[in-house]
């Protein structure tokens, strides 16, 4: 099975989020979003997650044709 996974194309994900999002900091009482987006999603060997923490404005033109999912 591992050989099959090595031959598959990896899915490239651009994860854009506000850098001070309380749910993604890991110290909020409700850590559901944090555990899914920052930990569990990244455990899948067929997925590559690239973080783009932002303040207010994000120039999405830097993502052009580099990611499968935004």
PDB file of N, CA and C in Angstrom:
ATOM      1  N   UNK A   1       0.818  -1.191   0.000  1.00  0.00           N
ATOM      2  CA  UNK A   1       0.000   0.000   0.000  1.00  0.00           C
ATOM      3  C   UNK A   1       0.865   1.259   0.000  1.00  0.00           C
ATOM      4  N   UNK A   2       1.983   1.222   0.745  1.00  0.00           N
ATOM      5  CA  UNK A   2       2.850   2.384   0.797  1.00  0.00           C
ATOM      6  C   UNK A   2       3.428   2.710  -0.572  1.00  0.00           C
ATOM      7  N   UNK A   3       3.761   1.712  -1.354  1.00  0.00           N
ATOM      8  CA  UNK A   3       4.279   1.937  -2.699  1.00  0.00           C
ATOM      9  C   UNK A   3       3.236   2.633  -3.563  1.00  0.00           C
ATOM     10  N   UNK A   4       1.984   2.237  -3.422  1.00  0.00           N
ATOM     11  CA  UNK A   4       0.892   2.881  -4.148  1.00  0.00           C
ATOM     12  C   UNK A   4       0.806   4.352  -3.773  1.00  0.00           C
ATOM     13  N   UNK A   5       0.931   4.651  -2.472  1.00  0.00           N
ATOM     14  CA  UNK A   5       0.847   6.032  -1.999  1.00  0.00           C
ATOM     15  C   UNK A   5       2.009   6.868  -2.522  1.00  0.00           C
ATOM     16  N   UNK A   6       3.171   6.274  -2.676  1.00  0.00           N
ATOM     17  CA  UNK A   6       4.327   7.009  -3.180  1.00  0.00           C
ATOM     18  C   UNK A   6       4.162   7.396  -4.641  1.00  0.00           C
ATOM     19  N   UNK A   7       3.394   6.615  -5.396  1.00  0.00           N
ATOM     20  CA  UNK A   7       3.188   6.890  -6.817  1.00  0.00           C
ATOM     21  C   UNK A   7       2.044   7.865  -7.076  1.00  0.00           C
ATOM     22  N   UNK A   8       1.252   8.138  -6.069  1.00  0.00           N
ATOM     23  CA  UNK A   8       0.132   9.072  -6.235  1.00  0.00           C
ATOM     24  C   UNK A   8       0.622  10.514  -6.202  1.00  0.00           C
ATOM     25  N   UNK A   9      -0.075  11.361  -6.938  1.00  0.00           N
ATOM     26  CA  UNK A   9       0.220  12.791  -6.889  1.00  0.00           C
ATOM     27  C   UNK A   9      -0.296  13.342  -5.565  1.00  0.00           C
ATOM     28  N   UNK A  10       0.519  14.100  -4.888  1.00  0.00           N
ATOM     29  CA  UNK A  10       0.104  14.679  -3.613  1.00  0.00           C
ATOM     30  C   UNK A  10      -0.794  15.885  -3.865  1.00  0.00           C
ATOM     31  N   UNK A  11      -1.793  16.031  -3.029  1.00  0.00           N
ATOM     32  CA  UNK A  11      -2.726  17.146  -3.120  1.00  0.00           C
ATOM     33  C   UNK A  11      -2.106  18.331  -2.391  1.00  0.00           C
ATOM     34  N   UNK A  12      -2.002  19.454  -3.084  1.00  0.00           N
ATOM     35  CA  UNK A  12      -1.404  20.656  -2.499  1.00  0.00           C
ATOM     36  C   UNK A  12      -2.508  21.605  -2.049  1.00  0.00           C
ATOM     37  N   UNK A  13      -2.503  21.911  -0.754  1.00  0.00           N
ATOM     38  CA  UNK A  13      -3.528  22.760  -0.161  1.00  0.00           C
ATOM     39  C   UNK A  13      -2.906  24.064   0.330  1.00  0.00           C
ATOM     40  N   UNK A  14      -3.520  25.183  -0.028  1.00  0.00           N
ATOM     41  CA  UNK A  14      -3.143  26.485   0.513  1.00  0.00           C
ATOM     42  C   UNK A  14      -4.143  26.804   1.621  1.00  0.00           C
ATOM     43  N   UNK A  15      -3.661  26.874   2.840  1.00  0.00           N
ATOM     44  CA  UNK A  15      -4.525  27.143   3.992  1.00  0.00           C
ATOM     45  C   UNK A  15      -4.336  28.599   4.405  1.00  0.00           C
ATOM     46  N   UNK A  16      -5.312  29.431   4.067  1.00  0.00           N
ATOM     47  CA  UNK A  16      -5.268  30.867   4.345  1.00  0.00           C
ATOM     48  C   UNK A  16      -6.131  31.136   5.573  1.00  0.00           C
ATOM     49  N   UNK A  17      -5.551  31.799   6.547  1.00  0.00           N
ATOM     50  CA  UNK A  17      -6.304  32.107   7.755  1.00  0.00           C
ATOM     51  C   UNK A  17      -5.759  33.368   8.413  1.00  0.00           C
ATOM     52  N   UNK A  18      -6.604  34.017   9.172  1.00  0.00           N
ATOM     53  CA  UNK A  18      -6.193  35.224   9.903  1.00  0.00           C
ATOM     54  C   UNK A  18      -5.265  34.795  11.037  1.00  0.00           C
ATOM     55  N   UNK A  19      -4.087  35.399  11.098  1.00  0.00           N
ATOM     56  CA  UNK A  19      -3.046  34.941  12.020  1.00  0.00           C
ATOM     57  C   UNK A  19      -3.443  35.002  13.491  1.00  0.00           C
ATOM     58  N   UNK A  20      -4.393  35.821  13.857  1.00  0.00           N
ATOM     59  CA  UNK A  20      -4.804  35.889  15.256  1.00  0.00           C
ATOM     60  C   UNK A  20      -6.147  35.182  15.498  1.00  0.00           C
ATOM     61  N   UNK A  21      -6.509  34.241  14.641  1.00  0.00           N
ATOM     62  CA  UNK A  21      -7.744  33.477  14.810  1.00  0.00           C
ATOM     63  C   UNK A  21      -7.635  32.652  16.088  1.00  0.00           C
ATOM     64  N   UNK A  22      -8.433  32.975  17.066  1.00  0.00           N
ATOM     65  CA  UNK A  22      -8.357  32.349  18.381  1.00  0.00           C
ATOM     66  C   UNK A  22      -8.561  30.831  18.309  1.00  0.00           C
ATOM     67  N   UNK A  23      -9.319  30.355  17.331  1.00  0.00           N
ATOM     68  CA  UNK A  23      -9.586  28.924  17.216  1.00  0.00           C
ATOM     69  C   UNK A  23      -8.406  28.148  16.625  1.00  0.00           C
ATOM     70  N   UNK A  24      -7.454  28.833  16.016  1.00  0.00           N
ATOM     71  CA  UNK A  24      -6.311  28.151  15.403  1.00  0.00           C
ATOM     72  C   UNK A  24      -5.002  28.368  16.162  1.00  0.00           C
ATOM     73  N   UNK A  25      -5.071  28.958  17.338  1.00  0.00           N
ATOM     74  CA  UNK A  25      -3.871  29.197  18.137  1.00  0.00           C
ATOM     75  C   UNK A  25      -3.499  28.002  19.017  1.00  0.00           C
ATOM     76  N   UNK A  26      -4.466  27.134  19.286  1.00  0.00           N
ATOM     77  CA  UNK A  26      -4.179  25.938  20.070  1.00  0.00           C
ATOM     78  C   UNK A  26      -4.362  26.096  21.563  1.00  0.00           C
ATOM     79  N   UNK A  27      -4.772  27.270  22.029  1.00  0.00           N
ATOM     80  CA  UNK A  27      -4.958  27.451  23.460  1.00  0.00           C
ATOM     81  C   UNK A  27      -6.369  27.906  23.836  1.00  0.00           C
ATOM     82  N   UNK A  28      -7.300  27.803  22.911  1.00  0.00           N
ATOM     83  CA  UNK A  28      -8.708  28.136  23.167  1.00  0.00           C
ATOM     84  C   UNK A  28      -9.384  26.909  23.776  1.00  0.00           C
ATOM     85  N   UNK A  29     -10.441  27.119  24.558  1.00  0.00           N
ATOM     86  CA  UNK A  29     -11.116  25.974  25.179  1.00  0.00           C
ATOM     87  C   UNK A  29     -11.739  25.043  24.139  1.00  0.00           C
ATOM     88  N   UNK A  30     -12.088  25.571  22.968  1.00  0.00           N
ATOM     89  CA  UNK A  30     -12.634  24.754  21.884  1.00  0.00           C
ATOM     90  C   UNK A  30     -11.555  24.624  20.808  1.00  0.00           C
ATOM     91  N   UNK A  31     -10.821  23.528  20.826  1.00  0.00           N
ATOM     92  CA  UNK A  31      -9.697  23.333  19.912  1.00  0.00           C
ATOM     93  C   UNK A  31     -10.026  22.450  18.710  1.00  0.00           C
ATOM     94  N   UNK A  32     -11.296  22.299  18.386  1.00  0.00           N
ATOM     95  CA  UNK A  32     -11.682  21.431  17.275  1.00  0.00           C
ATOM     96  C   UNK A  32     -11.038  21.869  15.966  1.00  0.00           C
ATOM     97  N   UNK A  33     -11.145  23.141  15.613  1.00  0.00           N
ATOM     98  CA  UNK A  33     -10.540  23.645  14.375  1.00  0.00           C
ATOM     99  C   UNK A  33      -9.036  23.455  14.393  1.00  0.00           C
ATOM    100  N   UNK A  34      -8.415  23.791  15.523  1.00  0.00           N
ATOM    101  CA  UNK A  34      -6.969  23.664  15.643  1.00  0.00           C
ATOM    102  C   UNK A  34      -6.521  22.230  15.391  1.00  0.00           C
ATOM    103  N   UNK A  35      -7.138  21.267  16.054  1.00  0.00           N
ATOM    104  CA  UNK A  35      -6.719  19.872  15.909  1.00  0.00           C
ATOM    105  C   UNK A  35      -6.931  19.354  14.487  1.00  0.00           C
ATOM    106  N   UNK A  36      -8.013  19.770  13.841  1.00  0.00           N
ATOM    107  CA  UNK A  36      -8.247  19.304  12.473  1.00  0.00           C
ATOM    108  C   UNK A  36      -7.288  19.957  11.481  1.00  0.00           C
ATOM    109  N   UNK A  37      -7.283  21.298  11.425  1.00  0.00           N
ATOM    110  CA  UNK A  37      -6.514  22.002  10.400  1.00  0.00           C
ATOM    111  C   UNK A  37      -5.016  22.026  10.663  1.00  0.00           C
ATOM    112  N   UNK A  38      -4.595  22.080  11.905  1.00  0.00           N
ATOM    113  CA  UNK A  38      -3.177  22.225  12.209  1.00  0.00           C
ATOM    114  C   UNK A  38      -2.487  20.900  12.530  1.00  0.00           C
ATOM    115  N   UNK A  39      -3.257  19.867  12.849  1.00  0.00           N
ATOM    116  CA  UNK A  39      -2.634  18.602  13.214  1.00  0.00           C
ATOM    117  C   UNK A  39      -3.085  17.431  12.326  1.00  0.00           C
ATOM    118  N   UNK A  40      -4.356  17.078  12.410  1.00  0.00           N
ATOM    119  CA  UNK A  40      -4.839  15.865  11.752  1.00  0.00           C
ATOM    120  C   UNK A  40      -4.724  15.904  10.229  1.00  0.00           C
ATOM    121  N   UNK A  41      -5.101  16.998   9.608  1.00  0.00           N
ATOM    122  CA  UNK A  41      -5.049  17.112   8.151  1.00  0.00           C
ATOM    123  C   UNK A  41      -3.630  16.885   7.628  1.00  0.00           C
ATOM    124  N   UNK A  42      -2.659  17.284   8.389  1.00  0.00           N
ATOM    125  CA  UNK A  42      -1.253  17.192   7.979  1.00  0.00           C
ATOM    126  C   UNK A  42      -0.668  15.793   8.149  1.00  0.00           C
ATOM    127  N   UNK A  43      -1.371  14.920   8.842  1.00  0.00           N
ATOM    128  CA  UNK A  43      -0.893  13.550   9.044  1.00  0.00           C
ATOM    129  C   UNK A  43      -1.054  12.692   7.798  1.00  0.00           C
ATOM    130  N   UNK A  44      -1.944  13.076   6.908  1.00  0.00           N
ATOM    131  CA  UNK A  44      -2.186  12.319   5.680  1.00  0.00           C
ATOM    132  C   UNK A  44      -1.000  12.499   4.737  1.00  0.00           C
ATOM    133  N   UNK A  45      -0.360  11.414   4.364  1.00  0.00           N
ATOM    134  CA  UNK A  45       0.837  11.467   3.526  1.00  0.00           C
ATOM    135  C   UNK A  45       0.562  11.920   2.095  1.00  0.00           C
ATOM    136  N   UNK A  46      -0.704  11.908   1.683  1.00  0.00           N
ATOM    137  CA  UNK A  46      -1.030  12.297   0.316  1.00  0.00           C
ATOM    138  C   UNK A  46      -1.385  13.789   0.210  1.00  0.00           C
ATOM    139  N   UNK A  47      -1.229  14.519   1.313  1.00  0.00           N
ATOM    140  CA  UNK A  47      -1.591  15.932   1.345  1.00  0.00           C
ATOM    141  C   UNK A  47      -0.392  16.775   1.782  1.00  0.00           C
ATOM    142  N   UNK A  48      -0.202  17.896   1.091  1.00  0.00           N
ATOM    143  CA  UNK A  48       0.805  18.883   1.492  1.00  0.00           C
ATOM    144  C   UNK A  48       0.055  20.171   1.806  1.00  0.00           C
ATOM    145  N   UNK A  49       0.144  20.611   3.058  1.00  0.00           N
ATOM    146  CA  UNK A  49      -0.538  21.826   3.485  1.00  0.00           C
ATOM    147  C   UNK A  49       0.490  22.945   3.649  1.00  0.00           C
ATOM    148  N   UNK A  50       0.217  24.077   3.010  1.00  0.00           N
ATOM    149  CA  UNK A  50       1.055  25.259   3.160  1.00  0.00           C
ATOM    150  C   UNK A  50       0.225  26.340   3.826  1.00  0.00           C
ATOM    151  N   UNK A  51       0.740  26.855   4.940  1.00  0.00           N
ATOM    152  CA  UNK A  51       0.022  27.879   5.702  1.00  0.00           C
ATOM    153  C   UNK A  51       0.290  29.266   5.150  1.00  0.00           C
ATOM    154  N   UNK A  52      -0.765  30.082   5.149  1.00  0.00           N
ATOM    155  CA  UNK A  52      -0.677  31.484   4.773  1.00  0.00           C
ATOM    156  C   UNK A  52      -1.418  32.305   5.824  1.00  0.00           C
ATOM    157  N   UNK A  53      -0.783  32.516   6.990  1.00  0.00           N
ATOM    158  CA  UNK A  53      -1.428  33.375   7.987  1.00  0.00           C
ATOM    159  C   UNK A  53      -1.403  34.819   7.503  1.00  0.00           C
ATOM    160  N   UNK A  54      -2.508  35.503   7.653  1.00  0.00           N
ATOM    161  CA  UNK A  54      -2.618  36.874   7.148  1.00  0.00           C
ATOM    162  C   UNK A  54      -3.044  37.830   8.250  1.00  0.00           C
ATOM    163  N   UNK A  55      -2.824  39.098   7.996  1.00  0.00           N
ATOM    164  CA  UNK A  55      -3.306  40.137   8.921  1.00  0.00           C
ATOM    165  C   UNK A  55      -4.680  40.592   8.434  1.00  0.00           C
ATOM    166  N   UNK A  56      -4.748  41.409   7.427  1.00  0.00           N
ATOM    167  CA  UNK A  56      -6.022  41.908   6.919  1.00  0.00           C
ATOM    168  C   UNK A  56      -6.230  41.570   5.443  1.00  0.00           C
ATOM    169  N   UNK A  57      -5.231  41.863   4.627  1.00  0.00           N
ATOM    170  CA  UNK A  57      -5.361  41.692   3.177  1.00  0.00           C
ATOM    171  C   UNK A  57      -4.406  40.605   2.708  1.00  0.00           C
ATOM    172  N   UNK A  58      -4.902  39.736   1.827  1.00  0.00           N
ATOM    173  CA  UNK A  58      -4.075  38.663   1.289  1.00  0.00           C
ATOM    174  C   UNK A  58      -4.090  38.749  -0.229  1.00  0.00           C
ATOM    175  N   UNK A  59      -2.922  38.793  -0.833  1.00  0.00           N
ATOM    176  CA  UNK A  59      -2.804  38.837  -2.293  1.00  0.00           C
ATOM    177  C   UNK A  59      -2.785  37.410  -2.829  1.00  0.00           C
ATOM    178  N   UNK A  60      -3.927  36.945  -3.292  1.00  0.00           N
ATOM    179  CA  UNK A  60      -4.068  35.571  -3.753  1.00  0.00           C
ATOM    180  C   UNK A  60      -3.347  35.296  -5.070  1.00  0.00           C
ATOM    181  N   UNK A  61      -2.827  36.307  -5.710  1.00  0.00           N
ATOM    182  CA  UNK A  61      -2.125  36.083  -6.982  1.00  0.00           C
ATOM    183  C   UNK A  61      -0.867  35.234  -6.794  1.00  0.00           C
ATOM    184  N   UNK A  62      -0.317  35.176  -5.579  1.00  0.00           N
ATOM    185  CA  UNK A  62       0.869  34.345  -5.353  1.00  0.00           C
ATOM    186  C   UNK A  62       0.535  32.851  -5.372  1.00  0.00           C
ATOM    187  N   UNK A  63      -0.746  32.527  -5.326  1.00  0.00           N
ATOM    188  CA  UNK A  63      -1.176  31.127  -5.329  1.00  0.00           C
ATOM    189  C   UNK A  63      -1.398  30.569  -6.729  1.00  0.00           C
ATOM    190  N   UNK A  64      -1.373  31.404  -7.723  1.00  0.00           N
ATOM    191  CA  UNK A  64      -1.749  31.034  -9.087  1.00  0.00           C
ATOM    192  C   UNK A  64      -1.051  29.758  -9.571  1.00  0.00           C
ATOM    193  N   UNK A  65      -1.868  28.759  -9.873  1.00  0.00           N
ATOM    194  CA  UNK A  65      -1.442  27.479 -10.440  1.00  0.00           C
ATOM    195  C   UNK A  65      -0.455  26.700  -9.578  1.00  0.00           C
ATOM    196  N   UNK A  66      -0.396  26.981  -8.296  1.00  0.00           N
ATOM    197  CA  UNK A  66       0.532  26.261  -7.412  1.00  0.00           C
ATOM    198  C   UNK A  66      -0.175  25.298  -6.456  1.00  0.00           C
ATOM    199  N   UNK A  67      -1.506  25.452  -6.319  1.00  0.00           N
ATOM    200  CA  UNK A  67      -2.251  24.651  -5.357  1.00  0.00           C
ATOM    201  C   UNK A  67      -3.473  24.019  -5.992  1.00  0.00           C
ATOM    202  N   UNK A  68      -3.853  22.853  -5.472  1.00  0.00           N
ATOM    203  CA  UNK A  68      -5.046  22.159  -5.952  1.00  0.00           C
ATOM    204  C   UNK A  68      -6.283  22.642  -5.208  1.00  0.00           C
ATOM    205  N   UNK A  69      -6.116  22.997  -3.943  1.00  0.00           N
ATOM    206  CA  UNK A  69      -7.236  23.418  -3.094  1.00  0.00           C
ATOM    207  C   UNK A  69      -6.819  24.680  -2.345  1.00  0.00           C
ATOM    208  N   UNK A  70      -7.719  25.638  -2.279  1.00  0.00           N
ATOM    209  CA  UNK A  70      -7.464  26.860  -1.502  1.00  0.00           C
ATOM    210  C   UNK A  70      -8.527  26.973  -0.446  1.00  0.00           C
TER     211      UNK A  70
END
